[in-house]
Amino acid sequence: MKRFLLPKNKVAQVAINVAFIVIWEELADLILEMIWEKIGQVEFFNQDSFLVLITEILFLILPILSFTYWIWWGKNFMAKKKFIK
């Protein structure tokens, strides 16, 4: 199976990264809203708590950071470099 090829052009990488961040932010808001509605119905914990804030930040930030890392460094960053002796 052929791998997804990313463009080498930095402008294209920035455009892809910005588009993902905008789309993910909207999608994460919708998903978190549905989650908090369900939790509110169950009355599991207070939605104004610090735990809710941490969950929202992690749910929003971690995917953005991992996607940005993959776009910019991806496989090449982790590849072992051959040293000439």
C-alpha atoms as a PDB file:
ATOM      1  CA  MET A   1       0.000   0.000   0.000  1.00  0.00           C
ATOM      2  CA  LYS A   2       1.335   3.402  -0.934  1.00  0.00           C
ATOM      3  CA  ARG A   3       2.047   5.823   1.900  1.00  0.00           C
ATOM      4  CA  PHE A   4       0.470   9.253   2.101  1.00  0.00           C
ATOM      5  CA  LEU A   5       3.029  11.603   0.572  1.00  0.00           C
ATOM      6  CA  LEU A   6       3.379  15.029   2.088  1.00  0.00           C
ATOM      7  CA  PRO A   7       4.511  18.001   0.063  1.00  0.00           C
ATOM      8  CA  LYS A   8       8.121  19.152   0.521  1.00  0.00           C
ATOM      9  CA  ASN A   9       7.086  22.782   0.034  1.00  0.00           C
ATOM     10  CA  LYS A  10       7.005  24.591   3.377  1.00  0.00           C
ATOM     11  CA  VAL A  11       4.152  26.876   2.328  1.00  0.00           C
ATOM     12  CA  ALA A  12       2.034  23.819   1.522  1.00  0.00           C
ATOM     13  CA  GLN A  13       2.954  22.243   4.868  1.00  0.00           C
ATOM     14  CA  VAL A  14       1.908  25.392   6.712  1.00  0.00           C
ATOM     15  CA  ALA A  15      -1.376  25.494   4.765  1.00  0.00           C
ATOM     16  CA  ILE A  16      -2.121  21.845   5.602  1.00  0.00           C
ATOM     17  CA  ASN A  17      -1.243  22.426   9.251  1.00  0.00           C
ATOM     18  CA  VAL A  18      -3.421  25.547   9.553  1.00  0.00           C
ATOM     19  CA  ALA A  19      -6.336  23.815   7.819  1.00  0.00           C
ATOM     20  CA  PHE A  20      -6.080  20.858  10.200  1.00  0.00           C
ATOM     21  CA  ILE A  21      -5.978  23.134  13.254  1.00  0.00           C
ATOM     22  CA  VAL A  22      -9.087  25.048  12.144  1.00  0.00           C
ATOM     23  CA  ILE A  23     -11.016  21.868  11.299  1.00  0.00           C
ATOM     24  CA  TRP A  24      -9.915  20.073  14.472  1.00  0.00           C
ATOM     25  CA  GLU A  25     -10.861  23.018  16.675  1.00  0.00           C
ATOM     26  CA  GLU A  26     -14.425  23.010  15.323  1.00  0.00           C
ATOM     27  CA  LEU A  27     -14.696  19.221  15.460  1.00  0.00           C
ATOM     28  CA  ALA A  28     -13.295  19.075  19.001  1.00  0.00           C
ATOM     29  CA  ASP A  29     -15.808  21.680  20.157  1.00  0.00           C
ATOM     30  CA  LEU A  30     -18.694  19.608  18.796  1.00  0.00           C
ATOM     31  CA  ILE A  31     -17.394  16.380  20.315  1.00  0.00           C
ATOM     32  CA  LEU A  32     -16.702  17.956  23.695  1.00  0.00           C
ATOM     33  CA  GLU A  33     -20.142  19.556  23.729  1.00  0.00           C
ATOM     34  CA  MET A  34     -21.771  16.153  23.196  1.00  0.00           C
ATOM     35  CA  ILE A  35     -19.581  14.595  25.896  1.00  0.00           C
ATOM     36  CA  TRP A  36     -20.417  17.305  28.436  1.00  0.00           C
ATOM     37  CA  GLU A  37     -24.137  17.001  27.667  1.00  0.00           C
ATOM     38  CA  LYS A  38     -24.000  13.268  28.430  1.00  0.00           C
ATOM     39  CA  ILE A  39     -21.983  13.849  31.584  1.00  0.00           C
ATOM     40  CA  GLY A  40     -24.447  16.574  32.621  1.00  0.00           C
ATOM     41  CA  GLN A  41     -27.355  14.159  32.229  1.00  0.00           C
ATOM     42  CA  VAL A  42     -25.599  11.592  34.387  1.00  0.00           C
ATOM     43  CA  GLU A  43     -24.516  14.295  36.868  1.00  0.00           C
ATOM     44  CA  PHE A  44     -21.101  12.673  37.146  1.00  0.00           C
ATOM     45  CA  PHE A  45     -19.207  15.780  38.211  1.00  0.00           C
ATOM     46  CA  ASN A  46     -19.420  19.547  38.109  1.00  0.00           C
ATOM     47  CA  GLN A  47     -18.727  20.957  34.631  1.00  0.00           C
ATOM     48  CA  ASP A  48     -16.945  23.955  36.135  1.00  0.00           C
ATOM     49  CA  SER A  49     -14.233  21.824  37.697  1.00  0.00           C
ATOM     50  CA  PHE A  50     -10.522  21.882  36.975  1.00  0.00           C
ATOM     51  CA  LEU A  51     -10.730  18.334  35.574  1.00  0.00           C
ATOM     52  CA  VAL A  52     -13.030  19.526  32.809  1.00  0.00           C
ATOM     53  CA  LEU A  53     -10.615  22.292  31.879  1.00  0.00           C
ATOM     54  CA  ILE A  54      -7.674  19.869  31.712  1.00  0.00           C
ATOM     55  CA  THR A  55      -9.715  17.418  29.610  1.00  0.00           C
ATOM     56  CA  GLU A  56     -10.700  20.104  27.135  1.00  0.00           C
ATOM     57  CA  ILE A  57      -7.150  21.388  26.803  1.00  0.00           C
ATOM     58  CA  LEU A  58      -5.707  17.910  26.281  1.00  0.00           C
ATOM     59  CA  PHE A  59      -8.433  16.935  23.824  1.00  0.00           C
ATOM     60  CA  LEU A  60      -7.759  20.064  21.807  1.00  0.00           C
ATOM     61  CA  ILE A  61      -3.967  20.396  22.070  1.00  0.00           C
ATOM     62  CA  LEU A  62      -2.590  16.833  21.892  1.00  0.00           C
ATOM     63  CA  PRO A  63      -3.949  15.987  18.423  1.00  0.00           C
ATOM     64  CA  ILE A  64      -2.766  19.344  17.087  1.00  0.00           C
ATOM     65  CA  LEU A  65       0.741  18.825  18.466  1.00  0.00           C
ATOM     66  CA  SER A  66       1.017  15.263  17.183  1.00  0.00           C
ATOM     67  CA  PHE A  67      -0.247  16.207  13.701  1.00  0.00           C
ATOM     68  CA  THR A  68       2.120  19.183  13.534  1.00  0.00           C
ATOM     69  CA  TYR A  69       5.029  16.950  14.543  1.00  0.00           C
ATOM     70  CA  TRP A  70       4.064  14.412  11.862  1.00  0.00           C
ATOM     71  CA  ILE A  71       3.716  17.078   9.145  1.00  0.00           C
ATOM     72  CA  TRP A  72       7.045  18.748   9.819  1.00  0.00           C
ATOM     73  CA  TRP A  73       9.347  15.953  10.944  1.00  0.00           C
ATOM     74  CA  GLY A  74       7.471  12.691  10.389  1.00  0.00           C
ATOM     75  CA  LYS A  75       9.514   9.671   9.412  1.00  0.00           C
ATOM     76  CA  ASN A  76      12.662  11.598   8.518  1.00  0.00           C
ATOM     77  CA  PHE A  77      13.190  12.892  12.043  1.00  0.00           C
ATOM     78  CA  MET A  78      13.156   9.423  13.594  1.00  0.00           C
ATOM     79  CA  ALA A  79      15.220   7.722  10.876  1.00  0.00           C
ATOM     80  CA  LYS A  80      18.718   6.658  11.826  1.00  0.00           C
ATOM     81  CA  LYS A  81      21.361   8.671  10.091  1.00  0.00           C
ATOM     82  CA  LYS A  82      24.227   6.889   8.409  1.00  0.00           C
ATOM     83  CA  PHE A  83      27.580   8.142   9.558  1.00  0.00           C
ATOM     84  CA  ILE A  84      30.576   8.001   7.296  1.00  0.00           C
ATOM     85  CA  LYS A  85      33.724   6.794   9.002  1.00  0.00           C
END
